PDB file of all heavy atoms in Angstrom:
ATOM      1  N   THR A   1      -3.081  -9.541   2.124  1.00  0.00           N
ATOM      2  CA  THR A   1      -4.335  -9.319   1.392  1.00  0.00           C
ATOM      3  C   THR A   1      -4.411 -10.007   0.031  1.00  0.00           C
ATOM      4  O   THR A   1      -5.505 -10.163  -0.517  1.00  0.00           O
ATOM      5  CB  THR A   1      -4.559  -7.822   1.179  1.00  0.00           C
ATOM      6  OG1 THR A   1      -3.487  -7.296   0.360  1.00  0.00           O
ATOM      7  CG2 THR A   1      -4.598  -7.077   2.506  1.00  0.00           C
ATOM      8  N   GLY A   2      -3.280 -10.399  -0.529  1.00  0.00           N
ATOM      9  CA  GLY A   2      -3.303 -11.001  -1.856  1.00  0.00           C
ATOM     10  C   GLY A   2      -3.359  -9.995  -2.985  1.00  0.00           C
ATOM     11  O   GLY A   2      -3.554 -10.364  -4.147  1.00  0.00           O
ATOM     12  N   VAL A   3      -3.178  -8.716  -2.679  1.00  0.00           N
ATOM     13  CA  VAL A   3      -3.133  -7.677  -3.711  1.00  0.00           C
ATOM     14  C   VAL A   3      -1.788  -7.758  -4.435  1.00  0.00           C
ATOM     15  O   VAL A   3      -0.744  -7.912  -3.800  1.00  0.00           O
ATOM     16  CB  VAL A   3      -3.324  -6.277  -3.089  1.00  0.00           C
ATOM     17  CG1 VAL A   3      -3.047  -5.183  -4.113  1.00  0.00           C
ATOM     18  CG2 VAL A   3      -4.739  -6.136  -2.547  1.00  0.00           C
ATOM     19  N   LYS A   4      -1.803  -7.664  -5.757  1.00  0.00           N
ATOM     20  CA  LYS A   4      -0.583  -7.736  -6.558  1.00  0.00           C
ATOM     21  C   LYS A   4      -0.063  -6.332  -6.847  1.00  0.00           C
ATOM     22  O   LYS A   4      -0.816  -5.459  -7.271  1.00  0.00           O
ATOM     23  CB  LYS A   4      -0.856  -8.460  -7.880  1.00  0.00           C
ATOM     24  CG  LYS A   4      -1.283  -9.907  -7.710  1.00  0.00           C
ATOM     25  CD  LYS A   4      -1.584 -10.529  -9.058  1.00  0.00           C
ATOM     26  CE  LYS A   4      -2.041 -11.974  -8.903  1.00  0.00           C
ATOM     27  NZ  LYS A   4      -2.378 -12.580 -10.229  1.00  0.00           N
ATOM     28  N   ILE A   5       1.229  -6.142  -6.632  1.00  0.00           N
ATOM     29  CA  ILE A   5       1.857  -4.844  -6.868  1.00  0.00           C
ATOM     30  C   ILE A   5       2.638  -4.920  -8.172  1.00  0.00           C
ATOM     31  O   ILE A   5       3.614  -5.653  -8.277  1.00  0.00           O
ATOM     32  CB  ILE A   5       2.797  -4.452  -5.712  1.00  0.00           C
ATOM     33  CG1 ILE A   5       2.037  -4.459  -4.390  1.00  0.00           C
ATOM     34  CG2 ILE A   5       3.417  -3.086  -5.978  1.00  0.00           C
ATOM     35  CD1 ILE A   5       2.926  -4.262  -3.184  1.00  0.00           C
ATOM     36  N   HIS A   6       2.228  -4.141  -9.168  1.00  0.00           N
ATOM     37  CA  HIS A   6       2.914  -4.147 -10.458  1.00  0.00           C
ATOM     38  C   HIS A   6       4.077  -3.164 -10.493  1.00  0.00           C
ATOM     39  O   HIS A   6       5.112  -3.453 -11.085  1.00  0.00           O
ATOM     40  CB  HIS A   6       1.926  -3.806 -11.575  1.00  0.00           C
ATOM     41  CG  HIS A   6       0.733  -4.697 -11.615  1.00  0.00           C
ATOM     42  ND1 HIS A   6       0.825  -6.054 -11.849  1.00  0.00           N
ATOM     43  CD2 HIS A   6      -0.576  -4.445 -11.428  1.00  0.00           C
ATOM     44  CE1 HIS A   6      -0.381  -6.581 -11.821  1.00  0.00           C
ATOM     45  NE2 HIS A   6      -1.247  -5.629 -11.555  1.00  0.00           N
ATOM     46  N   ALA A   7       3.894  -2.005  -9.894  1.00  0.00           N
ATOM     47  CA  ALA A   7       4.937  -0.979  -9.891  1.00  0.00           C
ATOM     48  C   ALA A   7       4.647   0.019  -8.782  1.00  0.00           C
ATOM     49  O   ALA A   7       3.490   0.248  -8.435  1.00  0.00           O
ATOM     50  CB  ALA A   7       5.007  -0.266 -11.237  1.00  0.00           C
ATOM     51  N   PHE A   8       5.716   0.601  -8.226  1.00  0.00           N
ATOM     52  CA  PHE A   8       5.548   1.659  -7.232  1.00  0.00           C
ATOM     53  C   PHE A   8       6.762   2.564  -7.253  1.00  0.00           C
ATOM     54  O   PHE A   8       7.862   2.169  -7.654  1.00  0.00           O
ATOM     55  CB  PHE A   8       5.346   1.083  -5.823  1.00  0.00           C
ATOM     56  CG  PHE A   8       6.566   0.432  -5.232  1.00  0.00           C
ATOM     57  CD1 PHE A   8       7.481   1.164  -4.481  1.00  0.00           C
ATOM     58  CD2 PHE A   8       6.814  -0.915  -5.432  1.00  0.00           C
ATOM     59  CE1 PHE A   8       8.614   0.564  -3.931  1.00  0.00           C
ATOM     60  CE2 PHE A   8       7.937  -1.527  -4.891  1.00  0.00           C
ATOM     61  CZ  PHE A   8       8.842  -0.785  -4.139  1.00  0.00           C
ATOM     62  N   SER A   9       6.564   3.791  -6.837  1.00  0.00           N
ATOM     63  CA  SER A   9       7.667   4.733  -6.661  1.00  0.00           C
ATOM     64  C   SER A   9       7.305   5.686  -5.541  1.00  0.00           C
ATOM     65  O   SER A   9       6.145   6.080  -5.402  1.00  0.00           O
ATOM     66  CB  SER A   9       7.958   5.513  -7.953  1.00  0.00           C
ATOM     67  OG  SER A   9       6.854   6.298  -8.331  1.00  0.00           O
ATOM     68  N   VAL A  10       8.303   6.035  -4.754  1.00  0.00           N
ATOM     69  CA  VAL A  10       8.101   6.924  -3.613  1.00  0.00           C
ATOM     70  C   VAL A  10       8.871   8.211  -3.853  1.00  0.00           C
ATOM     71  O   VAL A  10      10.099   8.199  -3.988  1.00  0.00           O
ATOM     72  CB  VAL A  10       8.565   6.261  -2.300  1.00  0.00           C
ATOM     73  CG1 VAL A  10       8.342   7.209  -1.124  1.00  0.00           C
ATOM     74  CG2 VAL A  10       7.826   4.944  -2.074  1.00  0.00           C
ATOM     75  N   MET A  11       8.158   9.320  -3.913  1.00  0.00           N
ATOM     76  CA  MET A  11       8.737  10.638  -4.102  1.00  0.00           C
ATOM     77  C   MET A  11       8.867  11.316  -2.736  1.00  0.00           C
ATOM     78  O   MET A  11       8.333  10.819  -1.732  1.00  0.00           O
ATOM     79  CB  MET A  11       7.847  11.445  -5.031  1.00  0.00           C
ATOM     80  CG  MET A  11       7.628  10.791  -6.389  1.00  0.00           C
ATOM     81  SD  MET A  11       9.100  10.843  -7.414  1.00  0.00           S
ATOM     82  CE  MET A  11       9.063  12.568  -7.911  1.00  0.00           C
ATOM     83  N   PRO A  12       9.554  12.449  -2.640  1.00  0.00           N
ATOM     84  CA  PRO A  12       9.741  13.090  -1.337  1.00  0.00           C
ATOM     85  C   PRO A  12       8.449  13.419  -0.591  1.00  0.00           C
ATOM     86  O   PRO A  12       8.422  13.408   0.640  1.00  0.00           O
ATOM     87  CB  PRO A  12      10.520  14.362  -1.688  1.00  0.00           C
ATOM     88  CG  PRO A  12      11.300  13.987  -2.903  1.00  0.00           C
ATOM     89  CD  PRO A  12      10.373  13.104  -3.683  1.00  0.00           C
ATOM     90  N   ASN A  13       7.364  13.727  -1.331  1.00  0.00           N
ATOM     91  CA  ASN A  13       6.130  14.101  -0.631  1.00  0.00           C
ATOM     92  C   ASN A  13       4.892  13.336  -1.114  1.00  0.00           C
ATOM     93  O   ASN A  13       3.763  13.724  -0.806  1.00  0.00           O
ATOM     94  CB  ASN A  13       5.879  15.605  -0.738  1.00  0.00           C
ATOM     95  CG  ASN A  13       5.645  16.046  -2.166  1.00  0.00           C
ATOM     96  OD1 ASN A  13       5.805  15.286  -3.116  1.00  0.00           O
ATOM     97  ND2 ASN A  13       5.273  17.306  -2.321  1.00  0.00           N
ATOM     98  N   HIS A  14       5.078  12.270  -1.879  1.00  0.00           N
ATOM     99  CA  HIS A  14       3.941  11.436  -2.284  1.00  0.00           C
ATOM    100  C   HIS A  14       4.439  10.088  -2.807  1.00  0.00           C
ATOM    101  O   HIS A  14       5.650   9.910  -3.033  1.00  0.00           O
ATOM    102  CB  HIS A  14       3.086  12.135  -3.356  1.00  0.00           C
ATOM    103  CG  HIS A  14       3.780  12.338  -4.670  1.00  0.00           C
ATOM    104  ND1 HIS A  14       4.649  13.377  -4.893  1.00  0.00           N
ATOM    105  CD2 HIS A  14       3.728  11.640  -5.822  1.00  0.00           C
ATOM    106  CE1 HIS A  14       5.108  13.314  -6.128  1.00  0.00           C
ATOM    107  NE2 HIS A  14       4.564  12.251  -6.718  1.00  0.00           N
ATOM    108  N   ALA A  15       3.522   9.174  -2.987  1.00  0.00           N
ATOM    109  CA  ALA A  15       3.867   7.838  -3.478  1.00  0.00           C
ATOM    110  C   ALA A  15       2.839   7.383  -4.496  1.00  0.00           C
ATOM    111  O   ALA A  15       1.641   7.634  -4.345  1.00  0.00           O
ATOM    112  CB  ALA A  15       3.947   6.848  -2.322  1.00  0.00           C
ATOM    113  N   HIS A  16       3.316   6.707  -5.539  1.00  0.00           N
ATOM    114  CA  HIS A  16       2.459   6.150  -6.581  1.00  0.00           C
ATOM    115  C   HIS A  16       2.581   4.629  -6.578  1.00  0.00           C
ATOM    116  O   HIS A  16       3.645   4.087  -6.255  1.00  0.00           O
ATOM    117  CB  HIS A  16       2.879   6.636  -7.970  1.00  0.00           C
ATOM    118  CG  HIS A  16       2.716   8.096  -8.201  1.00  0.00           C
ATOM    119  ND1 HIS A  16       1.501   8.740  -8.141  1.00  0.00           N
ATOM    120  CD2 HIS A  16       3.634   9.058  -8.518  1.00  0.00           C
ATOM    121  CE1 HIS A  16       1.668  10.029  -8.418  1.00  0.00           C
ATOM    122  NE2 HIS A  16       2.948  10.247  -8.636  1.00  0.00           N
ATOM    123  N   MET A  17       1.528   3.950  -7.005  1.00  0.00           N
ATOM    124  CA  MET A  17       1.623   2.519  -7.243  1.00  0.00           C
ATOM    125  C   MET A  17       0.522   2.067  -8.194  1.00  0.00           C
ATOM    126  O   MET A  17      -0.533   2.709  -8.294  1.00  0.00           O
ATOM    127  CB  MET A  17       1.539   1.739  -5.926  1.00  0.00           C
ATOM    128  CG  MET A  17       0.172   1.719  -5.283  1.00  0.00           C
ATOM    129  SD  MET A  17       0.145   0.726  -3.768  1.00  0.00           S
ATOM    130  CE  MET A  17       0.882   1.894  -2.631  1.00  0.00           C
ATOM    131  N   VAL A  18       0.799   0.980  -8.899  1.00  0.00           N
ATOM    132  CA  VAL A  18      -0.184   0.307  -9.740  1.00  0.00           C
ATOM    133  C   VAL A  18      -0.372  -1.085  -9.165  1.00  0.00           C
ATOM    134  O   VAL A  18       0.597  -1.845  -9.051  1.00  0.00           O
ATOM    135  CB  VAL A  18       0.279   0.226 -11.208  1.00  0.00           C
ATOM    136  CG1 VAL A  18      -0.756  -0.524 -12.053  1.00  0.00           C
ATOM    137  CG2 VAL A  18       0.518   1.616 -11.778  1.00  0.00           C
ATOM    138  N   VAL A  19      -1.597  -1.406  -8.775  1.00  0.00           N
ATOM    139  CA  VAL A  19      -1.868  -2.678  -8.111  1.00  0.00           C
ATOM    140  C   VAL A  19      -3.126  -3.313  -8.690  1.00  0.00           C
ATOM    141  O   VAL A  19      -3.970  -2.628  -9.270  1.00  0.00           O
ATOM    142  CB  VAL A  19      -2.049  -2.494  -6.582  1.00  0.00           C
ATOM    143  CG1 VAL A  19      -0.819  -1.877  -5.954  1.00  0.00           C
ATOM    144  CG2 VAL A  19      -3.285  -1.643  -6.288  1.00  0.00           C
ATOM    145  N   THR A  20      -3.231  -4.640  -8.525  1.00  0.00           N
ATOM    146  CA  THR A  20      -4.440  -5.359  -8.894  1.00  0.00           C
ATOM    147  C   THR A  20      -4.996  -6.053  -7.663  1.00  0.00           C
ATOM    148  O   THR A  20      -4.255  -6.750  -6.951  1.00  0.00           O
ATOM    149  CB  THR A  20      -4.162  -6.404  -9.994  1.00  0.00           C
ATOM    150  OG1 THR A  20      -3.761  -5.720 -11.195  1.00  0.00           O
ATOM    151  CG2 THR A  20      -5.420  -7.226 -10.304  1.00  0.00           C
ATOM    152  N   ASP A  21      -6.277  -5.861  -7.422  1.00  0.00           N
ATOM    153  CA  ASP A  21      -6.920  -6.411  -6.232  1.00  0.00           C
ATOM    154  C   ASP A  21      -6.971  -7.931  -6.281  1.00  0.00           C
ATOM    155  O   ASP A  21      -6.766  -8.561  -7.324  1.00  0.00           O
ATOM    156  CB  ASP A  21      -8.337  -5.844  -6.098  1.00  0.00           C
ATOM    157  CG  ASP A  21      -8.808  -5.771  -4.653  1.00  0.00           C
ATOM    158  OD1 ASP A  21      -8.205  -6.446  -3.799  1.00  0.00           O
ATOM    159  OD2 ASP A  21      -9.781  -5.035  -4.393  1.00  0.00           O
ATOM    160  N   HIS A  22      -7.254  -8.527  -5.127  1.00  0.00           N
ATOM    161  CA  HIS A  22      -7.394  -9.979  -4.994  1.00  0.00           C
ATOM    162  C   HIS A  22      -8.391 -10.502  -6.030  1.00  0.00           C
ATOM    163  O   HIS A  22      -9.356  -9.822  -6.369  1.00  0.00           O
ATOM    164  CB  HIS A  22      -7.871 -10.308  -3.575  1.00  0.00           C
ATOM    165  CG  HIS A  22      -7.813 -11.758  -3.243  1.00  0.00           C
ATOM    166  ND1 HIS A  22      -8.778 -12.659  -3.638  1.00  0.00           N
ATOM    167  CD2 HIS A  22      -6.905 -12.484  -2.534  1.00  0.00           C
ATOM    168  CE1 HIS A  22      -8.478 -13.862  -3.191  1.00  0.00           C
ATOM    169  NE2 HIS A  22      -7.337 -13.785  -2.524  1.00  0.00           N
ATOM    170  N   GLU A  23      -8.142 -11.708  -6.527  1.00  0.00           N
ATOM    171  CA  GLU A  23      -8.958 -12.235  -7.621  1.00  0.00           C
ATOM    172  C   GLU A  23     -10.400 -12.538  -7.223  1.00  0.00           C
ATOM    173  O   GLU A  23     -11.309 -12.447  -8.055  1.00  0.00           O
ATOM    174  CB  GLU A  23      -8.304 -13.501  -8.192  1.00  0.00           C
ATOM    175  CG  GLU A  23      -6.950 -13.236  -8.837  1.00  0.00           C
ATOM    176  CD  GLU A  23      -6.315 -14.494  -9.359  1.00  0.00           C
ATOM    177  OE1 GLU A  23      -6.928 -15.574  -9.188  1.00  0.00           O
ATOM    178  OE2 GLU A  23      -5.221 -14.422  -9.940  1.00  0.00           O
ATOM    179  N   THR A  24     -10.628 -12.919  -5.975  1.00  0.00           N
ATOM    180  CA  THR A  24     -11.984 -13.311  -5.567  1.00  0.00           C
ATOM    181  C   THR A  24     -12.583 -12.427  -4.488  1.00  0.00           C
ATOM    182  O   THR A  24     -13.790 -12.474  -4.259  1.00  0.00           O
ATOM    183  CB  THR A  24     -11.989 -14.768  -5.066  1.00  0.00           C
ATOM    184  OG1 THR A  24     -11.101 -14.882  -3.934  1.00  0.00           O
ATOM    185  CG2 THR A  24     -11.531 -15.719  -6.160  1.00  0.00           C
ATOM    186  N   LYS A  25     -11.755 -11.632  -3.815  1.00  0.00           N
ATOM    187  CA  LYS A  25     -12.246 -10.751  -2.767  1.00  0.00           C
ATOM    188  C   LYS A  25     -11.684  -9.348  -2.965  1.00  0.00           C
ATOM    189  O   LYS A  25     -10.519  -9.195  -3.330  1.00  0.00           O
ATOM    190  CB  LYS A  25     -11.837 -11.265  -1.378  1.00  0.00           C
ATOM    191  CG  LYS A  25     -12.366 -12.650  -1.035  1.00  0.00           C
ATOM    192  CD  LYS A  25     -11.876 -13.073   0.333  1.00  0.00           C
ATOM    193  CE  LYS A  25     -12.377 -14.466   0.695  1.00  0.00           C
ATOM    194  NZ  LYS A  25     -11.872 -14.899   2.025  1.00  0.00           N
ATOM    195  N   ALA A  26     -12.489  -8.342  -2.712  1.00  0.00           N
ATOM    196  CA  ALA A  26     -12.029  -6.956  -2.802  1.00  0.00           C
ATOM    197  C   ALA A  26     -11.254  -6.608  -1.535  1.00  0.00           C
ATOM    198  O   ALA A  26     -11.841  -6.330  -0.492  1.00  0.00           O
ATOM    199  CB  ALA A  26     -13.212  -6.012  -2.982  1.00  0.00           C
ATOM    200  N   ARG A  27      -9.916  -6.642  -1.622  1.00  0.00           N
ATOM    201  CA  ARG A  27      -9.084  -6.418  -0.444  1.00  0.00           C
ATOM    202  C   ARG A  27      -8.286  -5.115  -0.512  1.00  0.00           C
ATOM    203  O   ARG A  27      -7.446  -4.887   0.359  1.00  0.00           O
ATOM    204  CB  ARG A  27      -8.096  -7.584  -0.284  1.00  0.00           C
ATOM    205  CG  ARG A  27      -8.725  -8.947  -0.089  1.00  0.00           C
ATOM    206  CD  ARG A  27      -9.534  -9.030   1.184  1.00  0.00           C
ATOM    207  NE  ARG A  27      -8.786  -8.647   2.368  1.00  0.00           N
ATOM    208  CZ  ARG A  27      -7.977  -9.487   3.045  1.00  0.00           C
ATOM    209  NH1 ARG A  27      -7.843 -10.737   2.641  1.00  0.00           N
ATOM    210  NH2 ARG A  27      -7.347  -9.088   4.125  1.00  0.00           N
ATOM    211  N   LEU A  28      -8.524  -4.296  -1.526  1.00  0.00           N
ATOM    212  CA  LEU A  28      -7.746  -3.062  -1.639  1.00  0.00           C
ATOM    213  C   LEU A  28      -7.850  -2.180  -0.400  1.00  0.00           C
ATOM    214  O   LEU A  28      -6.835  -1.658   0.068  1.00  0.00           O
ATOM    215  CB  LEU A  28      -8.157  -2.280  -2.882  1.00  0.00           C
ATOM    216  CG  LEU A  28      -7.353  -0.988  -3.100  1.00  0.00           C
ATOM    217  CD1 LEU A  28      -5.924  -1.320  -3.514  1.00  0.00           C
ATOM    218  CD2 LEU A  28      -8.019  -0.090  -4.147  1.00  0.00           C
ATOM    219  N   PRO A  29      -9.051  -1.957   0.185  1.00  0.00           N
ATOM    220  CA  PRO A  29      -9.114  -1.123   1.393  1.00  0.00           C
ATOM    221  C   PRO A  29      -8.239  -1.666   2.527  1.00  0.00           C
ATOM    222  O   PRO A  29      -7.577  -0.884   3.233  1.00  0.00           O
ATOM    223  CB  PRO A  29     -10.602  -1.162   1.767  1.00  0.00           C
ATOM    224  CG  PRO A  29     -11.298  -1.411   0.467  1.00  0.00           C
ATOM    225  CD  PRO A  29     -10.403  -2.345  -0.280  1.00  0.00           C
ATOM    226  N   ASP A  30      -8.226  -3.002   2.714  1.00  0.00           N
ATOM    227  CA  ASP A  30      -7.388  -3.603   3.748  1.00  0.00           C
ATOM    228  C   ASP A  30      -5.911  -3.419   3.418  1.00  0.00           C
ATOM    229  O   ASP A  30      -5.088  -3.129   4.301  1.00  0.00           O
ATOM    230  CB  ASP A  30      -7.700  -5.090   3.897  1.00  0.00           C
ATOM    231  CG  ASP A  30      -9.105  -5.337   4.409  1.00  0.00           C
ATOM    232  OD1 ASP A  30      -9.606  -4.501   5.186  1.00  0.00           O
ATOM    233  OD2 ASP A  30      -9.708  -6.350   4.024  1.00  0.00           O
ATOM    234  N   PHE A  31      -5.557  -3.598   2.153  1.00  0.00           N
ATOM    235  CA  PHE A  31      -4.174  -3.414   1.711  1.00  0.00           C
ATOM    236  C   PHE A  31      -3.691  -2.001   2.021  1.00  0.00           C
ATOM    237  O   PHE A  31      -2.607  -1.806   2.592  1.00  0.00           O
ATOM    238  CB  PHE A  31      -4.081  -3.698   0.208  1.00  0.00           C
ATOM    239  CG  PHE A  31      -2.770  -3.296  -0.413  1.00  0.00           C
ATOM    240  CD1 PHE A  31      -1.682  -4.156  -0.374  1.00  0.00           C
ATOM    241  CD2 PHE A  31      -2.634  -2.064  -1.039  1.00  0.00           C
ATOM    242  CE1 PHE A  31      -0.468  -3.784  -0.957  1.00  0.00           C
ATOM    243  CE2 PHE A  31      -1.433  -1.688  -1.615  1.00  0.00           C
ATOM    244  CZ  PHE A  31      -0.349  -2.554  -1.576  1.00  0.00           C
ATOM    245  N   LEU A  32      -4.491  -1.004   1.658  1.00  0.00           N
ATOM    246  CA  LEU A  32      -4.099   0.388   1.887  1.00  0.00           C
ATOM    247  C   LEU A  32      -4.048   0.717   3.372  1.00  0.00           C
ATOM    248  O   LEU A  32      -3.165   1.464   3.817  1.00  0.00           O
ATOM    249  CB  LEU A  32      -5.067   1.326   1.166  1.00  0.00           C
ATOM    250  CG  LEU A  32      -5.058   1.251  -0.360  1.00  0.00           C
ATOM    251  CD1 LEU A  32      -6.114   2.180  -0.945  1.00  0.00           C
ATOM    252  CD2 LEU A  32      -3.680   1.603  -0.908  1.00  0.00           C
ATOM    253  N   ARG A  33      -4.973   0.171   4.147  1.00  0.00           N
ATOM    254  CA  ARG A  33      -4.969   0.428   5.592  1.00  0.00           C
ATOM    255  C   ARG A  33      -3.691  -0.112   6.230  1.00  0.00           C
ATOM    256  O   ARG A  33      -3.043   0.584   7.034  1.00  0.00           O
ATOM    257  CB  ARG A  33      -6.189  -0.231   6.237  1.00  0.00           C
ATOM    258  CG  ARG A  33      -6.210  -0.152   7.759  1.00  0.00           C
ATOM    259  CD  ARG A  33      -7.458  -0.795   8.325  1.00  0.00           C
ATOM    260  NE  ARG A  33      -7.639  -2.163   7.838  1.00  0.00           N
ATOM    261  CZ  ARG A  33      -6.999  -3.221   8.332  1.00  0.00           C
ATOM    262  NH1 ARG A  33      -6.123  -3.062   9.315  1.00  0.00           N
ATOM    263  NH2 ARG A  33      -7.234  -4.426   7.851  1.00  0.00           N
ATOM    264  N   ILE A  34      -3.306  -1.324   5.875  1.00  0.00           N
ATOM    265  CA  ILE A  34      -2.090  -1.920   6.434  1.00  0.00           C
ATOM    266  C   ILE A  34      -0.852  -1.142   5.997  1.00  0.00           C
ATOM    267  O   ILE A  34       0.008  -0.795   6.818  1.00  0.00           O
ATOM    268  CB  ILE A  34      -1.983  -3.395   6.003  1.00  0.00           C
ATOM    269  CG1 ILE A  34      -3.129  -4.209   6.599  1.00  0.00           C
ATOM    270  CG2 ILE A  34      -0.636  -3.987   6.432  1.00  0.00           C
ATOM    271  CD1 ILE A  34      -3.252  -5.601   6.022  1.00  0.00           C
ATOM    272  N   TYR A  35      -0.778  -0.871   4.713  1.00  0.00           N
ATOM    273  CA  TYR A  35       0.385  -0.170   4.153  1.00  0.00           C
ATOM    274  C   TYR A  35       0.534   1.231   4.742  1.00  0.00           C
ATOM    275  O   TYR A  35       1.610   1.611   5.221  1.00  0.00           O
ATOM    276  CB  TYR A  35       0.230  -0.124   2.629  1.00  0.00           C
ATOM    277  CG  TYR A  35       0.966   0.975   1.920  1.00  0.00           C
ATOM    278  CD1 TYR A  35       2.351   1.077   1.970  1.00  0.00           C
ATOM    279  CD2 TYR A  35       0.265   1.922   1.164  1.00  0.00           C
ATOM    280  CE1 TYR A  35       3.013   2.087   1.303  1.00  0.00           C
ATOM    281  CE2 TYR A  35       0.929   2.928   0.494  1.00  0.00           C
ATOM    282  CZ  TYR A  35       2.289   3.003   0.562  1.00  0.00           C
ATOM    283  OH  TYR A  35       2.942   4.007  -0.112  1.00  0.00           O
ATOM    284  N   HIS A  36      -0.533   2.010   4.738  1.00  0.00           N
ATOM    285  CA  HIS A  36      -0.453   3.373   5.259  1.00  0.00           C
ATOM    286  C   HIS A  36      -0.159   3.396   6.761  1.00  0.00           C
ATOM    287  O   HIS A  36       0.601   4.249   7.244  1.00  0.00           O
ATOM    288  CB  HIS A  36      -1.759   4.124   4.974  1.00  0.00           C
ATOM    289  CG  HIS A  36      -1.949   4.441   3.524  1.00  0.00           C
ATOM    290  ND1 HIS A  36      -3.171   4.349   2.889  1.00  0.00           N
ATOM    291  CD2 HIS A  36      -1.069   4.855   2.574  1.00  0.00           C
ATOM    292  CE1 HIS A  36      -3.028   4.697   1.619  1.00  0.00           C
ATOM    293  NE2 HIS A  36      -1.767   4.999   1.408  1.00  0.00           N
ATOM    294  N   SER A  37      -0.754   2.477   7.502  1.00  0.00           N
ATOM    295  CA  SER A  37      -0.534   2.430   8.951  1.00  0.00           C
ATOM    296  C   SER A  37       0.907   2.086   9.286  1.00  0.00           C
ATOM    297  O   SER A  37       1.531   2.711  10.155  1.00  0.00           O
ATOM    298  CB  SER A  37      -1.481   1.415   9.596  1.00  0.00           C
ATOM    299  OG  SER A  37      -2.824   1.789   9.436  1.00  0.00           O
ATOM    300  N   LEU A  38       1.461   1.073   8.597  1.00  0.00           N
ATOM    301  CA  LEU A  38       2.843   0.669   8.866  1.00  0.00           C
ATOM    302  C   LEU A  38       3.822   1.792   8.548  1.00  0.00           C
ATOM    303  O   LEU A  38       4.756   2.051   9.318  1.00  0.00           O
ATOM    304  CB  LEU A  38       3.187  -0.576   8.041  1.00  0.00           C
ATOM    305  CG  LEU A  38       2.559  -1.888   8.485  1.00  0.00           C
ATOM    306  CD1 LEU A  38       2.886  -2.997   7.495  1.00  0.00           C
ATOM    307  CD2 LEU A  38       3.045  -2.270   9.883  1.00  0.00           C
ATOM    308  N   VAL A  39       3.608   2.463   7.421  1.00  0.00           N
ATOM    309  CA  VAL A  39       4.504   3.568   7.054  1.00  0.00           C
ATOM    310  C   VAL A  39       4.412   4.698   8.080  1.00  0.00           C
ATOM    311  O   VAL A  39       5.440   5.238   8.526  1.00  0.00           O
ATOM    312  CB  VAL A  39       4.152   4.095   5.650  1.00  0.00           C
ATOM    313  CG1 VAL A  39       4.907   5.392   5.358  1.00  0.00           C
ATOM    314  CG2 VAL A  39       4.483   3.055   4.587  1.00  0.00           C
ATOM    315  N   ALA A  40       3.210   5.046   8.480  1.00  0.00           N
ATOM    316  CA  ALA A  40       3.035   6.142   9.441  1.00  0.00           C
ATOM    317  C   ALA A  40       3.675   5.815  10.784  1.00  0.00           C
ATOM    318  O   ALA A  40       4.366   6.657  11.380  1.00  0.00           O
ATOM    319  CB  ALA A  40       1.549   6.441   9.618  1.00  0.00           C
ATOM    320  N   LEU A  41       3.461   4.600  11.270  1.00  0.00           N
ATOM    321  CA  LEU A  41       4.026   4.214  12.562  1.00  0.00           C
ATOM    322  C   LEU A  41       5.549   4.182  12.515  1.00  0.00           C
ATOM    323  O   LEU A  41       6.226   4.665  13.427  1.00  0.00           O
ATOM    324  CB  LEU A  41       3.484   2.842  12.972  1.00  0.00           C
ATOM    325  CG  LEU A  41       2.012   2.792  13.375  1.00  0.00           C
ATOM    326  CD1 LEU A  41       1.558   1.341  13.552  1.00  0.00           C
ATOM    327  CD2 LEU A  41       1.785   3.575  14.667  1.00  0.00           C
ATOM    328  N   ALA A  42       6.093   3.605  11.444  1.00  0.00           N
ATOM    329  CA  ALA A  42       7.549   3.492  11.344  1.00  0.00           C
ATOM    330  C   ALA A  42       8.219   4.851  11.185  1.00  0.00           C
ATOM    331  O   ALA A  42       9.222   5.145  11.846  1.00  0.00           O
ATOM    332  CB  ALA A  42       7.909   2.583  10.172  1.00  0.00           C
ATOM    333  N   LEU A  43       7.658   5.692  10.325  1.00  0.00           N
ATOM    334  CA  LEU A  43       8.274   7.005  10.137  1.00  0.00           C
ATOM    335  C   LEU A  43       8.142   7.874  11.376  1.00  0.00           C
ATOM    336  O   LEU A  43       9.008   8.709  11.655  1.00  0.00           O
ATOM    337  CB  LEU A  43       7.642   7.712   8.932  1.00  0.00           C
ATOM    338  CG  LEU A  43       7.911   7.090   7.559  1.00  0.00           C
ATOM    339  CD1 LEU A  43       7.475   8.036   6.457  1.00  0.00           C
ATOM    340  CD2 LEU A  43       9.383   6.737   7.390  1.00  0.00           C
ATOM    341  N   GLY A  44       7.063   7.680  12.133  1.00  0.00           N
ATOM    342  CA  GLY A  44       6.923   8.415  13.383  1.00  0.00           C
ATOM    343  C   GLY A  44       8.053   8.109  14.341  1.00  0.00           C
ATOM    344  O   GLY A  44       8.554   8.992  15.051  1.00  0.00           O
ATOM    345  N   ARG A  45       8.482   6.850  14.355  1.00  0.00           N
ATOM    346  CA  ARG A  45       9.581   6.458  15.246  1.00  0.00           C
ATOM    347  C   ARG A  45      10.933   6.885  14.691  1.00  0.00           C
ATOM    348  O   ARG A  45      11.826   7.292  15.441  1.00  0.00           O
ATOM    349  CB  ARG A  45       9.561   4.946  15.443  1.00  0.00           C
ATOM    350  CG  ARG A  45       8.318   4.426  16.142  1.00  0.00           C
ATOM    351  CD  ARG A  45       8.446   2.968  16.517  1.00  0.00           C
ATOM    352  NE  ARG A  45       9.533   2.748  17.458  1.00  0.00           N
ATOM    353  CZ  ARG A  45       9.837   1.574  17.996  1.00  0.00           C
ATOM    354  NH1 ARG A  45       9.111   0.498  17.670  1.00  0.00           N
ATOM    355  NH2 ARG A  45      10.827   1.449  18.839  1.00  0.00           N
ATOM    356  N   ILE A  46      11.096   6.785  13.370  1.00  0.00           N
ATOM    357  CA  ILE A  46      12.387   7.120  12.761  1.00  0.00           C
ATOM    358  C   ILE A  46      12.639   8.624  12.785  1.00  0.00           C
ATOM    359  O   ILE A  46      13.724   9.084  13.169  1.00  0.00           O
ATOM    360  CB  ILE A  46      12.441   6.606  11.307  1.00  0.00           C
ATOM    361  CG1 ILE A  46      12.431   5.082  11.286  1.00  0.00           C
ATOM    362  CG2 ILE A  46      13.672   7.137  10.589  1.00  0.00           C
ATOM    363  CD1 ILE A  46      12.325   4.499   9.888  1.00  0.00           C
TER     364      ILE A  46
END
């Protein structure tokens, strides 16, 4: 998506991050959809 990640931390029951969206296109919704989906699918298997 081209979203820039400045900082993130993952706690036992939540996650924080500071990000900046793509410079010319609003891609944050796509970024979050990909990120949340991958984490959910992987943790479901693990």
